[in-house]
N, C-alpha and C. Protein backbone atom coordinates (compact mmCIF):
# COMPACT_ATOMS: atom_id res chain seq x y z
N MET A 1 9.73 -3.47 10.67
CA MET A 1 9.37 -2.57 11.76
C MET A 1 8.11 -3.07 12.44
N GLY A 2 8.22 -3.39 13.72
CA GLY A 2 7.06 -3.89 14.45
C GLY A 2 6.30 -2.78 15.11
N THR A 3 5.14 -3.15 15.70
CA THR A 3 4.33 -2.12 16.36
C THR A 3 5.07 -1.51 17.53
N GLN A 4 6.00 -2.28 18.16
CA GLN A 4 6.71 -1.75 19.31
C GLN A 4 7.64 -0.60 18.94
N ASP A 5 7.90 -0.41 17.64
CA ASP A 5 8.76 0.69 17.19
C ASP A 5 7.98 1.99 17.03
N THR A 6 6.67 1.95 17.17
CA THR A 6 5.84 3.13 16.98
C THR A 6 5.62 3.84 18.31
N ILE A 7 5.97 5.11 18.37
CA ILE A 7 5.77 5.89 19.60
C ILE A 7 4.37 6.48 19.59
N ILE A 8 3.66 6.33 20.70
CA ILE A 8 2.29 6.83 20.81
C ILE A 8 2.25 7.91 21.88
N LEU A 9 1.67 9.04 21.53
CA LEU A 9 1.50 10.14 22.47
C LEU A 9 0.04 10.23 22.85
N VAL A 10 -0.23 10.18 24.15
CA VAL A 10 -1.60 10.28 24.66
C VAL A 10 -1.77 11.63 25.34
N VAL A 11 -2.75 12.41 24.85
CA VAL A 11 -2.97 13.76 25.36
C VAL A 11 -4.36 13.84 25.99
N ASP A 12 -4.40 13.92 27.32
CA ASP A 12 -5.69 14.01 28.03
C ASP A 12 -5.43 14.59 29.42
N ASP A 13 -6.29 15.50 29.84
CA ASP A 13 -6.08 16.12 31.15
C ASP A 13 -6.53 15.22 32.30
N GLU A 14 -7.21 14.12 31.98
CA GLU A 14 -7.65 13.20 33.03
C GLU A 14 -6.64 12.05 33.18
N GLU A 15 -6.09 11.94 34.38
CA GLU A 15 -5.09 10.90 34.64
C GLU A 15 -5.67 9.51 34.41
N ALA A 16 -6.95 9.32 34.77
CA ALA A 16 -7.58 8.01 34.62
C ALA A 16 -7.61 7.58 33.16
N VAL A 17 -7.87 8.53 32.25
CA VAL A 17 -7.91 8.21 30.82
C VAL A 17 -6.51 7.86 30.32
N ARG A 18 -5.53 8.64 30.71
CA ARG A 18 -4.15 8.36 30.29
C ARG A 18 -3.72 6.97 30.74
N HIS A 19 -4.02 6.66 31.99
CA HIS A 19 -3.65 5.35 32.52
C HIS A 19 -4.41 4.23 31.81
N SER A 20 -5.67 4.48 31.49
CA SER A 20 -6.49 3.48 30.81
C SER A 20 -5.92 3.14 29.44
N VAL A 21 -5.50 4.17 28.69
CA VAL A 21 -4.93 3.92 27.37
C VAL A 21 -3.65 3.08 27.48
N GLN A 22 -2.82 3.40 28.45
CA GLN A 22 -1.60 2.62 28.64
C GLN A 22 -1.91 1.16 28.92
N GLU A 23 -2.90 0.92 29.77
CA GLU A 23 -3.27 -0.46 30.11
C GLU A 23 -3.86 -1.20 28.91
N ILE A 24 -4.65 -0.49 28.11
CA ILE A 24 -5.27 -1.12 26.94
C ILE A 24 -4.23 -1.53 25.91
N LEU A 25 -3.21 -0.68 25.71
CA LEU A 25 -2.24 -0.92 24.64
C LEU A 25 -1.03 -1.73 25.09
N ALA A 26 -0.86 -1.89 26.39
CA ALA A 26 0.30 -2.63 26.90
C ALA A 26 0.38 -4.05 26.34
N PRO A 27 -0.74 -4.79 26.24
CA PRO A 27 -0.65 -6.15 25.68
C PRO A 27 -0.17 -6.19 24.23
N GLU A 28 -0.28 -5.05 23.53
CA GLU A 28 0.18 -4.98 22.13
C GLU A 28 1.68 -4.69 22.05
N GLY A 29 2.30 -4.49 23.20
CA GLY A 29 3.73 -4.15 23.21
C GLY A 29 4.00 -2.73 22.80
N LEU A 30 3.02 -1.85 22.99
CA LEU A 30 3.15 -0.46 22.54
C LEU A 30 3.55 0.46 23.69
N PHE A 31 4.48 1.36 23.40
CA PHE A 31 4.93 2.34 24.38
C PHE A 31 4.12 3.62 24.24
N CYS A 32 3.59 4.11 25.34
CA CYS A 32 2.81 5.36 25.33
C CYS A 32 3.49 6.42 26.18
N ARG A 33 3.64 7.58 25.61
CA ARG A 33 4.09 8.76 26.37
C ARG A 33 2.83 9.57 26.64
N THR A 34 2.59 9.98 27.86
CA THR A 34 1.36 10.69 28.19
C THR A 34 1.65 12.11 28.66
N VAL A 35 0.77 13.03 28.29
CA VAL A 35 0.84 14.42 28.76
C VAL A 35 -0.57 14.89 29.09
N ALA A 36 -0.65 15.94 29.92
CA ALA A 36 -1.95 16.37 30.43
C ALA A 36 -2.44 17.69 29.85
N SER A 37 -1.70 18.26 28.88
CA SER A 37 -2.12 19.56 28.34
C SER A 37 -1.71 19.70 26.89
N GLY A 38 -2.35 20.66 26.20
CA GLY A 38 -2.01 20.92 24.81
C GLY A 38 -0.62 21.49 24.66
N ALA A 39 -0.23 22.36 25.60
CA ALA A 39 1.10 22.97 25.54
C ALA A 39 2.20 21.91 25.64
N LEU A 40 2.02 21.00 26.58
CA LEU A 40 2.99 19.91 26.72
C LEU A 40 2.97 18.97 25.52
N ALA A 41 1.79 18.78 24.94
CA ALA A 41 1.67 17.91 23.78
C ALA A 41 2.55 18.40 22.63
N LEU A 42 2.52 19.69 22.37
CA LEU A 42 3.33 20.26 21.29
C LEU A 42 4.82 20.13 21.60
N GLU A 43 5.17 20.41 22.83
CA GLU A 43 6.59 20.34 23.22
C GLU A 43 7.12 18.91 23.10
N VAL A 44 6.37 17.96 23.63
CA VAL A 44 6.82 16.57 23.62
C VAL A 44 6.78 15.99 22.20
N ALA A 45 5.74 16.32 21.43
CA ALA A 45 5.64 15.81 20.07
C ALA A 45 6.83 16.23 19.22
N GLN A 46 7.27 17.46 19.41
CA GLN A 46 8.42 17.94 18.66
C GLN A 46 9.68 17.17 19.02
N GLN A 47 9.76 16.75 20.28
CA GLN A 47 10.95 16.03 20.76
C GLN A 47 10.95 14.57 20.31
N ILE A 48 9.81 13.88 20.45
CA ILE A 48 9.81 12.43 20.25
C ILE A 48 9.26 11.99 18.90
N GLN A 49 8.63 12.92 18.15
CA GLN A 49 8.07 12.61 16.83
C GLN A 49 7.20 11.35 16.87
N PRO A 50 6.05 11.41 17.53
CA PRO A 50 5.21 10.22 17.65
C PRO A 50 4.61 9.81 16.31
N GLY A 51 4.38 8.51 16.16
CA GLY A 51 3.69 8.02 14.97
C GLY A 51 2.19 8.17 15.12
N ILE A 52 1.71 8.02 16.38
CA ILE A 52 0.28 8.08 16.67
C ILE A 52 0.05 9.05 17.82
N VAL A 53 -1.01 9.86 17.71
CA VAL A 53 -1.41 10.75 18.80
C VAL A 53 -2.87 10.49 19.14
N LEU A 54 -3.14 10.12 20.38
CA LEU A 54 -4.52 10.02 20.88
C LEU A 54 -4.83 11.31 21.59
N LEU A 55 -5.76 12.08 21.04
CA LEU A 55 -5.97 13.46 21.47
C LEU A 55 -7.37 13.68 22.03
N ASP A 56 -7.42 14.14 23.27
CA ASP A 56 -8.69 14.50 23.90
C ASP A 56 -9.26 15.75 23.23
N THR A 57 -10.57 15.76 23.02
CA THR A 57 -11.19 16.91 22.36
C THR A 57 -11.59 18.02 23.33
N ARG A 58 -11.38 17.80 24.64
CA ARG A 58 -11.82 18.79 25.61
C ARG A 58 -10.70 19.18 26.58
N LEU A 59 -9.57 19.54 26.04
CA LEU A 59 -8.46 20.00 26.87
C LEU A 59 -8.74 21.41 27.37
N PRO A 60 -8.51 21.68 28.64
CA PRO A 60 -8.81 23.01 29.19
C PRO A 60 -7.99 24.14 28.56
N ASP A 61 -6.77 23.81 28.09
CA ASP A 61 -5.86 24.87 27.64
C ASP A 61 -5.73 24.97 26.12
N ALA A 62 -6.53 24.21 25.36
CA ALA A 62 -6.32 24.21 23.91
C ALA A 62 -7.59 23.93 23.14
N ASN A 63 -7.69 24.55 21.96
CA ASN A 63 -8.73 24.21 21.00
C ASN A 63 -8.27 22.96 20.27
N SER A 64 -9.03 21.89 20.33
CA SER A 64 -8.57 20.61 19.82
C SER A 64 -8.29 20.62 18.31
N LEU A 65 -9.09 21.36 17.53
CA LEU A 65 -8.85 21.42 16.09
C LEU A 65 -7.54 22.15 15.78
N GLU A 66 -7.33 23.28 16.46
CA GLU A 66 -6.10 24.03 16.24
C GLU A 66 -4.89 23.22 16.71
N LEU A 67 -5.05 22.53 17.83
CA LEU A 67 -3.95 21.72 18.35
C LEU A 67 -3.63 20.57 17.40
N MET A 68 -4.64 19.96 16.83
CA MET A 68 -4.44 18.88 15.88
C MET A 68 -3.60 19.34 14.68
N LEU A 69 -3.93 20.52 14.15
CA LEU A 69 -3.19 21.05 13.01
C LEU A 69 -1.75 21.38 13.39
N LEU A 70 -1.55 21.91 14.59
CA LEU A 70 -0.20 22.23 15.04
C LEU A 70 0.63 20.97 15.26
N LEU A 71 -0.02 19.93 15.78
CA LEU A 71 0.69 18.66 15.96
C LEU A 71 1.14 18.09 14.62
N GLY A 72 0.30 18.27 13.61
CA GLY A 72 0.66 17.80 12.28
C GLY A 72 1.87 18.53 11.72
N ARG A 73 2.09 19.75 12.18
CA ARG A 73 3.25 20.51 11.70
C ARG A 73 4.52 20.14 12.45
N VAL A 74 4.41 19.96 13.77
CA VAL A 74 5.62 19.66 14.55
C VAL A 74 6.00 18.18 14.45
N ALA A 75 5.03 17.32 14.13
CA ALA A 75 5.31 15.89 13.96
C ALA A 75 4.67 15.42 12.66
N PRO A 76 5.26 15.79 11.51
CA PRO A 76 4.67 15.45 10.20
C PRO A 76 4.46 13.95 10.04
N GLY A 77 3.30 13.60 9.49
CA GLY A 77 3.00 12.20 9.25
C GLY A 77 2.33 11.49 10.40
N SER A 78 2.28 12.13 11.57
CA SER A 78 1.64 11.48 12.72
C SER A 78 0.15 11.28 12.46
N GLN A 79 -0.37 10.15 12.91
CA GLN A 79 -1.78 9.81 12.74
C GLN A 79 -2.53 10.17 14.02
N ILE A 80 -3.52 11.04 13.89
CA ILE A 80 -4.21 11.55 15.08
C ILE A 80 -5.57 10.89 15.25
N ILE A 81 -5.77 10.33 16.43
CA ILE A 81 -7.04 9.71 16.80
C ILE A 81 -7.66 10.54 17.92
N LEU A 82 -8.87 11.01 17.70
CA LEU A 82 -9.55 11.82 18.71
C LEU A 82 -10.20 10.93 19.76
N MET A 83 -10.21 11.41 20.98
CA MET A 83 -10.95 10.76 22.06
C MET A 83 -12.04 11.75 22.46
N ALA A 84 -13.30 11.43 22.15
CA ALA A 84 -14.37 12.43 22.23
C ALA A 84 -15.61 11.92 22.94
N GLU A 85 -16.35 12.87 23.50
CA GLU A 85 -17.66 12.57 24.06
C GLU A 85 -18.67 12.47 22.92
N ALA A 86 -19.77 11.78 23.14
CA ALA A 86 -20.79 11.60 22.11
C ALA A 86 -21.36 12.92 21.63
N VAL A 87 -21.40 13.91 22.52
CA VAL A 87 -22.00 15.20 22.15
C VAL A 87 -21.09 16.03 21.25
N ASP A 88 -19.85 15.57 21.06
CA ASP A 88 -18.89 16.32 20.24
C ASP A 88 -18.97 15.92 18.77
N HIS A 89 -20.16 15.53 18.33
CA HIS A 89 -20.33 14.99 16.97
C HIS A 89 -19.83 15.95 15.89
N ASP A 90 -20.24 17.21 15.95
CA ASP A 90 -19.83 18.18 14.92
C ASP A 90 -18.32 18.40 14.93
N LEU A 91 -17.75 18.46 16.12
CA LEU A 91 -16.31 18.66 16.23
C LEU A 91 -15.57 17.48 15.61
N ILE A 92 -16.06 16.26 15.84
CA ILE A 92 -15.44 15.07 15.27
C ILE A 92 -15.45 15.14 13.75
N LEU A 93 -16.58 15.52 13.17
CA LEU A 93 -16.68 15.61 11.71
C LEU A 93 -15.71 16.66 11.17
N ASP A 94 -15.63 17.80 11.85
CA ASP A 94 -14.70 18.85 11.42
C ASP A 94 -13.26 18.33 11.46
N ALA A 95 -12.92 17.61 12.52
CA ALA A 95 -11.56 17.10 12.66
C ALA A 95 -11.24 16.07 11.59
N LEU A 96 -12.20 15.20 11.29
CA LEU A 96 -11.98 14.20 10.25
C LEU A 96 -11.77 14.87 8.89
N GLU A 97 -12.52 15.93 8.64
CA GLU A 97 -12.36 16.66 7.39
C GLU A 97 -11.00 17.35 7.31
N LYS A 98 -10.45 17.69 8.46
CA LYS A 98 -9.16 18.40 8.50
C LYS A 98 -7.97 17.47 8.64
N GLY A 99 -8.22 16.15 8.61
CA GLY A 99 -7.09 15.23 8.58
C GLY A 99 -6.94 14.26 9.72
N ALA A 100 -7.85 14.28 10.69
CA ALA A 100 -7.77 13.29 11.76
C ALA A 100 -7.92 11.89 11.18
N ARG A 101 -7.21 10.94 11.74
CA ARG A 101 -7.25 9.57 11.22
C ARG A 101 -8.53 8.85 11.64
N ASP A 102 -8.94 9.01 12.90
CA ASP A 102 -10.06 8.25 13.44
C ASP A 102 -10.53 8.92 14.73
N TYR A 103 -11.55 8.37 15.34
CA TYR A 103 -11.98 8.86 16.65
C TYR A 103 -12.47 7.71 17.49
N LEU A 104 -12.38 7.90 18.80
CA LEU A 104 -12.85 6.92 19.78
C LEU A 104 -13.81 7.61 20.73
N GLY A 105 -14.91 6.95 21.03
CA GLY A 105 -15.86 7.50 21.98
C GLY A 105 -15.45 7.19 23.41
N LYS A 106 -15.71 8.13 24.29
CA LYS A 106 -15.46 7.90 25.73
C LYS A 106 -16.75 7.42 26.38
N PRO A 107 -16.65 6.51 27.36
CA PRO A 107 -15.42 5.85 27.83
C PRO A 107 -14.85 4.91 26.77
N LEU A 108 -13.53 4.75 26.78
CA LEU A 108 -12.86 3.96 25.77
C LEU A 108 -13.18 2.48 25.90
N HIS A 109 -13.38 1.85 24.75
CA HIS A 109 -13.59 0.40 24.70
C HIS A 109 -12.26 -0.24 24.29
N PRO A 110 -11.72 -1.16 25.10
CA PRO A 110 -10.39 -1.72 24.81
C PRO A 110 -10.22 -2.27 23.40
N ARG A 111 -11.16 -3.09 22.96
CA ARG A 111 -11.02 -3.72 21.64
C ARG A 111 -11.06 -2.67 20.54
N GLU A 112 -11.98 -1.74 20.64
CA GLU A 112 -12.09 -0.68 19.64
C GLU A 112 -10.82 0.18 19.62
N THR A 113 -10.30 0.47 20.79
CA THR A 113 -9.09 1.29 20.88
C THR A 113 -7.91 0.59 20.22
N ARG A 114 -7.72 -0.68 20.52
CA ARG A 114 -6.60 -1.42 19.92
C ARG A 114 -6.74 -1.50 18.40
N LEU A 115 -7.97 -1.70 17.92
CA LEU A 115 -8.20 -1.78 16.48
C LEU A 115 -7.86 -0.45 15.80
N ALA A 116 -8.33 0.65 16.39
CA ALA A 116 -8.07 1.97 15.81
C ALA A 116 -6.57 2.26 15.78
N VAL A 117 -5.88 1.88 16.84
CA VAL A 117 -4.44 2.14 16.90
C VAL A 117 -3.69 1.27 15.90
N ARG A 118 -4.09 0.01 15.76
CA ARG A 118 -3.44 -0.85 14.76
C ARG A 118 -3.60 -0.29 13.36
N ARG A 119 -4.80 0.20 13.04
CA ARG A 119 -5.04 0.79 11.72
C ARG A 119 -4.18 2.05 11.52
N ALA A 120 -4.09 2.85 12.56
CA ALA A 120 -3.29 4.07 12.47
C ALA A 120 -1.81 3.75 12.28
N ILE A 121 -1.34 2.71 12.97
CA ILE A 121 0.06 2.29 12.82
C ILE A 121 0.32 1.86 11.38
N ALA A 122 -0.60 1.10 10.81
CA ALA A 122 -0.44 0.66 9.41
C ALA A 122 -0.36 1.86 8.47
N ALA A 123 -1.21 2.87 8.70
CA ALA A 123 -1.19 4.07 7.85
C ALA A 123 0.10 4.84 8.04
N TRP A 124 0.55 4.96 9.29
CA TRP A 124 1.80 5.68 9.57
C TRP A 124 2.99 4.96 8.93
N ARG A 125 3.01 3.63 9.05
CA ARG A 125 4.10 2.85 8.49
C ARG A 125 4.13 2.99 6.97
N SER A 126 2.94 3.00 6.35
CA SER A 126 2.87 3.18 4.90
C SER A 126 3.45 4.53 4.49
N GLY A 127 3.12 5.56 5.28
CA GLY A 127 3.67 6.88 5.01
C GLY A 127 5.18 6.92 5.14
N GLN A 128 5.70 6.22 6.16
CA GLN A 128 7.15 6.15 6.36
C GLN A 128 7.82 5.45 5.19
N ASP A 129 7.20 4.35 4.71
CA ASP A 129 7.74 3.62 3.56
C ASP A 129 7.76 4.51 2.32
N GLY A 130 6.69 5.30 2.15
CA GLY A 130 6.63 6.21 1.01
C GLY A 130 7.72 7.26 1.07
N ASN A 131 7.98 7.76 2.29
CA ASN A 131 9.05 8.75 2.45
C ASN A 131 10.40 8.15 2.11
N ARG A 132 10.63 6.91 2.57
CA ARG A 132 11.91 6.26 2.27
C ARG A 132 12.07 6.03 0.77
N LEU A 133 10.96 5.65 0.11
CA LEU A 133 11.01 5.43 -1.34
C LEU A 133 11.34 6.73 -2.07
N ARG A 134 10.70 7.83 -1.65
CA ARG A 134 10.99 9.12 -2.29
C ARG A 134 12.45 9.52 -2.09
N GLU A 135 12.99 9.27 -0.89
CA GLU A 135 14.39 9.58 -0.63
C GLU A 135 15.29 8.71 -1.51
N GLY A 136 14.88 7.42 -1.66
CA GLY A 136 15.66 6.52 -2.50
C GLY A 136 15.68 6.98 -3.95
N VAL A 137 14.52 7.39 -4.45
CA VAL A 137 14.44 7.87 -5.84
C VAL A 137 15.29 9.13 -6.01
N ARG A 138 15.23 10.03 -5.03
CA ARG A 138 16.02 11.26 -5.11
C ARG A 138 17.52 10.93 -5.14
N GLU A 139 17.91 9.94 -4.33
CA GLU A 139 19.32 9.57 -4.30
C GLU A 139 19.74 8.92 -5.61
N ILE A 140 18.83 8.11 -6.19
CA ILE A 140 19.15 7.50 -7.48
C ILE A 140 19.35 8.56 -8.56
N VAL A 141 18.48 9.57 -8.56
CA VAL A 141 18.60 10.66 -9.54
C VAL A 141 19.96 11.34 -9.39
N GLU A 142 20.34 11.62 -8.13
CA GLU A 142 21.62 12.28 -7.89
C GLU A 142 22.78 11.40 -8.34
N ARG A 143 22.68 10.10 -8.03
CA ARG A 143 23.74 9.18 -8.43
C ARG A 143 23.78 9.03 -9.95
N SER A 144 22.60 9.07 -10.60
CA SER A 144 22.54 8.96 -12.05
C SER A 144 23.23 10.14 -12.71
N GLU A 145 23.01 11.33 -12.16
CA GLU A 145 23.66 12.52 -12.71
C GLU A 145 25.18 12.40 -12.59
N SER A 146 25.63 11.86 -11.45
CA SER A 146 27.07 11.66 -11.27
C SER A 146 27.59 10.61 -12.24
N LEU A 147 26.79 9.55 -12.45
CA LEU A 147 27.21 8.48 -13.37
C LEU A 147 27.30 9.00 -14.80
N ILE A 148 26.33 9.81 -15.19
CA ILE A 148 26.34 10.38 -16.55
C ILE A 148 27.60 11.20 -16.77
N ALA A 149 27.98 11.97 -15.74
CA ALA A 149 29.19 12.78 -15.85
C ALA A 149 30.43 11.89 -15.98
N ARG A 150 30.44 10.79 -15.22
CA ARG A 150 31.57 9.86 -15.31
C ARG A 150 31.62 9.20 -16.68
N LEU A 151 30.45 8.82 -17.20
CA LEU A 151 30.41 8.20 -18.52
C LEU A 151 30.91 9.14 -19.60
N ALA A 152 30.50 10.40 -19.48
CA ALA A 152 30.89 11.38 -20.49
C ALA A 152 32.40 11.59 -20.52
N GLY A 153 33.03 11.43 -19.36
CA GLY A 153 34.46 11.67 -19.30
C GLY A 153 35.29 10.40 -19.39
N SER A 154 34.65 9.26 -19.64
CA SER A 154 35.38 7.99 -19.66
C SER A 154 35.72 7.58 -21.08
N TRP A 155 36.65 6.62 -21.20
CA TRP A 155 36.95 6.04 -22.50
C TRP A 155 35.80 5.15 -22.93
N GLU A 156 35.62 4.98 -24.21
CA GLU A 156 34.51 4.18 -24.75
C GLU A 156 34.49 2.78 -24.15
N GLU A 157 35.70 2.17 -24.00
CA GLU A 157 35.75 0.80 -23.53
C GLU A 157 35.41 0.66 -22.04
N GLU A 158 35.36 1.77 -21.32
CA GLU A 158 35.05 1.71 -19.89
C GLU A 158 33.56 1.92 -19.60
N ARG A 159 32.81 2.39 -20.57
CA ARG A 159 31.47 2.89 -20.27
C ARG A 159 30.49 1.79 -19.87
N THR A 160 30.54 0.64 -20.48
CA THR A 160 29.60 -0.42 -20.16
C THR A 160 29.80 -0.89 -18.73
N SER A 161 31.06 -1.05 -18.30
CA SER A 161 31.32 -1.49 -16.93
C SER A 161 30.89 -0.43 -15.92
N LEU A 162 31.10 0.83 -16.25
CA LEU A 162 30.65 1.91 -15.36
C LEU A 162 29.13 1.90 -15.24
N LEU A 163 28.45 1.65 -16.37
CA LEU A 163 26.99 1.60 -16.36
C LEU A 163 26.50 0.44 -15.49
N ALA A 164 27.15 -0.72 -15.62
CA ALA A 164 26.78 -1.88 -14.81
C ALA A 164 26.97 -1.59 -13.33
N GLU A 165 28.08 -0.95 -12.99
CA GLU A 165 28.33 -0.59 -11.59
C GLU A 165 27.27 0.38 -11.08
N GLY A 166 26.86 1.31 -11.94
CA GLY A 166 25.83 2.26 -11.55
C GLY A 166 24.48 1.59 -11.32
N ILE A 167 24.15 0.61 -12.16
CA ILE A 167 22.90 -0.14 -12.01
C ILE A 167 22.89 -0.88 -10.68
N VAL A 168 23.98 -1.53 -10.35
CA VAL A 168 24.08 -2.28 -9.08
C VAL A 168 23.94 -1.33 -7.89
N GLU A 169 24.63 -0.21 -7.95
CA GLU A 169 24.59 0.74 -6.84
C GLU A 169 23.18 1.30 -6.64
N ALA A 170 22.50 1.63 -7.75
CA ALA A 170 21.15 2.18 -7.65
C ALA A 170 20.17 1.15 -7.11
N ALA A 171 20.29 -0.10 -7.58
CA ALA A 171 19.38 -1.16 -7.13
C ALA A 171 19.54 -1.41 -5.63
N ARG A 172 20.77 -1.37 -5.16
CA ARG A 172 21.01 -1.58 -3.73
C ARG A 172 20.51 -0.41 -2.90
N THR A 173 20.55 0.77 -3.45
CA THR A 173 20.09 1.96 -2.73
C THR A 173 18.63 1.85 -2.33
N VAL A 174 17.81 1.31 -3.24
CA VAL A 174 16.38 1.19 -2.96
C VAL A 174 15.98 -0.22 -2.52
N SER A 175 17.00 -1.05 -2.20
CA SER A 175 16.74 -2.43 -1.75
C SER A 175 15.83 -3.17 -2.73
N LEU A 176 16.19 -3.13 -4.00
CA LEU A 176 15.39 -3.77 -5.04
C LEU A 176 15.31 -5.28 -4.80
N ASN A 177 14.09 -5.82 -4.78
CA ASN A 177 13.93 -7.25 -4.55
C ASN A 177 13.08 -7.93 -5.63
N VAL A 178 12.99 -7.30 -6.79
CA VAL A 178 12.30 -7.89 -7.94
C VAL A 178 13.30 -8.01 -9.08
N PRO A 179 13.05 -8.91 -10.04
CA PRO A 179 13.99 -9.08 -11.16
C PRO A 179 14.18 -7.77 -11.94
N LEU A 180 15.39 -7.54 -12.38
CA LEU A 180 15.75 -6.34 -13.14
C LEU A 180 16.24 -6.76 -14.51
N VAL A 181 15.53 -6.30 -15.55
CA VAL A 181 15.92 -6.62 -16.93
C VAL A 181 16.92 -5.57 -17.40
N VAL A 182 18.09 -6.05 -17.86
CA VAL A 182 19.18 -5.15 -18.26
C VAL A 182 19.68 -5.52 -19.65
N ARG A 183 19.83 -4.51 -20.50
CA ARG A 183 20.43 -4.69 -21.82
C ARG A 183 21.69 -3.83 -21.89
N LEU A 184 22.82 -4.46 -22.09
CA LEU A 184 24.09 -3.75 -22.17
C LEU A 184 24.62 -3.81 -23.61
N GLU A 185 25.30 -2.75 -24.01
CA GLU A 185 25.97 -2.76 -25.30
C GLU A 185 27.21 -1.90 -25.19
N GLY A 186 28.18 -2.19 -26.01
CA GLY A 186 29.45 -1.46 -25.94
C GLY A 186 30.60 -2.41 -26.19
N THR A 187 31.81 -1.90 -25.96
CA THR A 187 33.00 -2.70 -26.27
C THR A 187 33.39 -3.65 -25.15
N ASN A 188 32.88 -3.46 -23.93
CA ASN A 188 33.25 -4.37 -22.85
C ASN A 188 31.99 -4.93 -22.17
N VAL A 189 31.06 -5.41 -23.00
CA VAL A 189 29.80 -5.95 -22.49
C VAL A 189 30.02 -7.12 -21.53
N GLU A 190 30.99 -8.00 -21.87
CA GLU A 190 31.22 -9.17 -21.03
C GLU A 190 31.64 -8.77 -19.62
N GLN A 191 32.46 -7.74 -19.51
CA GLN A 191 32.86 -7.26 -18.19
C GLN A 191 31.66 -6.71 -17.42
N GLY A 192 30.78 -5.98 -18.14
CA GLY A 192 29.57 -5.47 -17.51
C GLY A 192 28.67 -6.58 -17.02
N LYS A 193 28.54 -7.65 -17.84
CA LYS A 193 27.72 -8.80 -17.45
C LYS A 193 28.29 -9.49 -16.21
N GLU A 194 29.61 -9.57 -16.13
CA GLU A 194 30.25 -10.18 -14.97
C GLU A 194 29.96 -9.38 -13.70
N ILE A 195 29.96 -8.06 -13.82
CA ILE A 195 29.66 -7.20 -12.67
C ILE A 195 28.24 -7.44 -12.19
N LEU A 196 27.31 -7.52 -13.12
CA LEU A 196 25.91 -7.76 -12.76
C LEU A 196 25.73 -9.15 -12.16
N ALA A 197 26.39 -10.15 -12.73
CA ALA A 197 26.26 -11.53 -12.25
C ALA A 197 26.81 -11.67 -10.84
N ALA A 198 27.87 -10.93 -10.54
CA ALA A 198 28.51 -11.03 -9.22
C ALA A 198 27.81 -10.18 -8.16
N SER A 199 26.84 -9.39 -8.56
CA SER A 199 26.19 -8.45 -7.63
C SER A 199 25.25 -9.13 -6.65
N GLY A 200 24.75 -10.32 -7.02
CA GLY A 200 23.77 -10.99 -6.17
C GLY A 200 22.35 -10.50 -6.40
N LEU A 201 22.17 -9.55 -7.31
CA LEU A 201 20.84 -9.05 -7.64
C LEU A 201 20.13 -10.01 -8.60
N LYS A 202 18.80 -9.89 -8.63
CA LYS A 202 18.01 -10.70 -9.57
C LYS A 202 18.03 -10.00 -10.93
N VAL A 203 19.07 -10.28 -11.70
CA VAL A 203 19.26 -9.60 -12.98
C VAL A 203 18.95 -10.56 -14.13
N VAL A 204 18.09 -10.12 -15.03
CA VAL A 204 17.79 -10.87 -16.26
C VAL A 204 18.40 -10.08 -17.40
N GLN A 205 19.42 -10.64 -18.04
CA GLN A 205 20.13 -9.92 -19.08
C GLN A 205 19.51 -10.19 -20.45
N ALA A 206 19.48 -9.14 -21.26
CA ALA A 206 18.90 -9.23 -22.60
C ALA A 206 19.92 -8.75 -23.62
N ASP A 207 19.88 -9.33 -24.82
CA ASP A 207 20.86 -8.99 -25.86
C ASP A 207 20.41 -7.84 -26.76
N GLY A 208 19.11 -7.52 -26.74
CA GLY A 208 18.61 -6.45 -27.58
C GLY A 208 17.30 -5.92 -27.04
N LEU A 209 16.76 -4.90 -27.69
CA LEU A 209 15.52 -4.29 -27.21
C LEU A 209 14.36 -5.28 -27.28
N ALA A 210 14.28 -6.05 -28.38
CA ALA A 210 13.20 -7.02 -28.52
C ALA A 210 13.29 -8.10 -27.44
N SER A 211 14.53 -8.56 -27.22
CA SER A 211 14.74 -9.58 -26.19
C SER A 211 14.38 -9.03 -24.81
N ALA A 212 14.74 -7.79 -24.52
CA ALA A 212 14.43 -7.17 -23.23
C ALA A 212 12.92 -7.06 -23.04
N ALA A 213 12.22 -6.65 -24.12
CA ALA A 213 10.76 -6.52 -24.04
C ALA A 213 10.12 -7.87 -23.76
N GLU A 214 10.60 -8.92 -24.43
CA GLU A 214 10.05 -10.26 -24.22
C GLU A 214 10.23 -10.72 -22.78
N ARG A 215 11.40 -10.44 -22.21
CA ARG A 215 11.67 -10.86 -20.84
C ARG A 215 10.82 -10.09 -19.83
N VAL A 216 10.60 -8.81 -20.09
CA VAL A 216 9.73 -8.01 -19.22
C VAL A 216 8.31 -8.58 -19.23
N VAL A 217 7.80 -8.88 -20.41
CA VAL A 217 6.46 -9.44 -20.54
C VAL A 217 6.37 -10.79 -19.83
N SER A 218 7.41 -11.62 -20.00
CA SER A 218 7.44 -12.93 -19.37
C SER A 218 7.43 -12.83 -17.86
N LEU A 219 8.24 -11.92 -17.31
CA LEU A 219 8.31 -11.73 -15.87
C LEU A 219 6.99 -11.22 -15.31
N ALA A 220 6.37 -10.29 -16.05
CA ALA A 220 5.08 -9.74 -15.60
C ALA A 220 4.00 -10.82 -15.56
N ALA A 221 4.15 -11.80 -16.47
CA ALA A 221 3.17 -12.89 -16.53
C ALA A 221 3.48 -14.01 -15.54
N GLY A 222 4.58 -13.86 -14.81
CA GLY A 222 4.93 -14.87 -13.81
C GLY A 222 5.95 -15.87 -14.28
N GLY A 223 6.60 -15.58 -15.40
CA GLY A 223 7.64 -16.48 -15.91
C GLY A 223 8.95 -16.30 -15.18
N ASN A 224 9.93 -17.12 -15.51
CA ASN A 224 11.23 -17.06 -14.84
C ASN A 224 12.27 -16.32 -15.63
N SER A 225 11.97 -15.97 -16.92
CA SER A 225 12.98 -15.28 -17.70
C SER A 225 12.32 -14.49 -18.83
């Protein structure tokens, strides 16, 4: 996911400021949606779910702290950067304590603005990755429960192959890209091993618990098996 995939919402009642932000971020390949009021900010944020919000602290129609909290509700995970006058020092501190990502002093400095936005994008992207990981774990749990039910109702000779299929499916769900140590036992171990070998995953097979432990330690130390 590149920076161009991040939607930025600019909220300022001054057209010159909105235009300035667009010009500053254009070389970064960033798309900015601009609005001139707090009411429009909430409406648009709910529609487009911005990753970053640049928020003026002196909007005529809104209390900036209250608006910031509301934006966090309608666009969860969005990173809010305040655009503030130097005299708004106390307000800036309050906003940072309440979850604002950063602040920029007016008039905006191009280099500082781009740096703040890049940092906010990195934080937003990290949050998105965390959300995807949590969804992946939840899906694995659900699939595991289904697999357990299938294992319980299967013949003994089928269970190892079903387990191998479940391991492959779970690993693909979370896009696993690190070696996976697997120990299989049962009446059709060879079939299970064939399933794992044909999966294309980085699978390190072990014959027993001691062997599995040794391979885990070796991999953690940078070994190949």
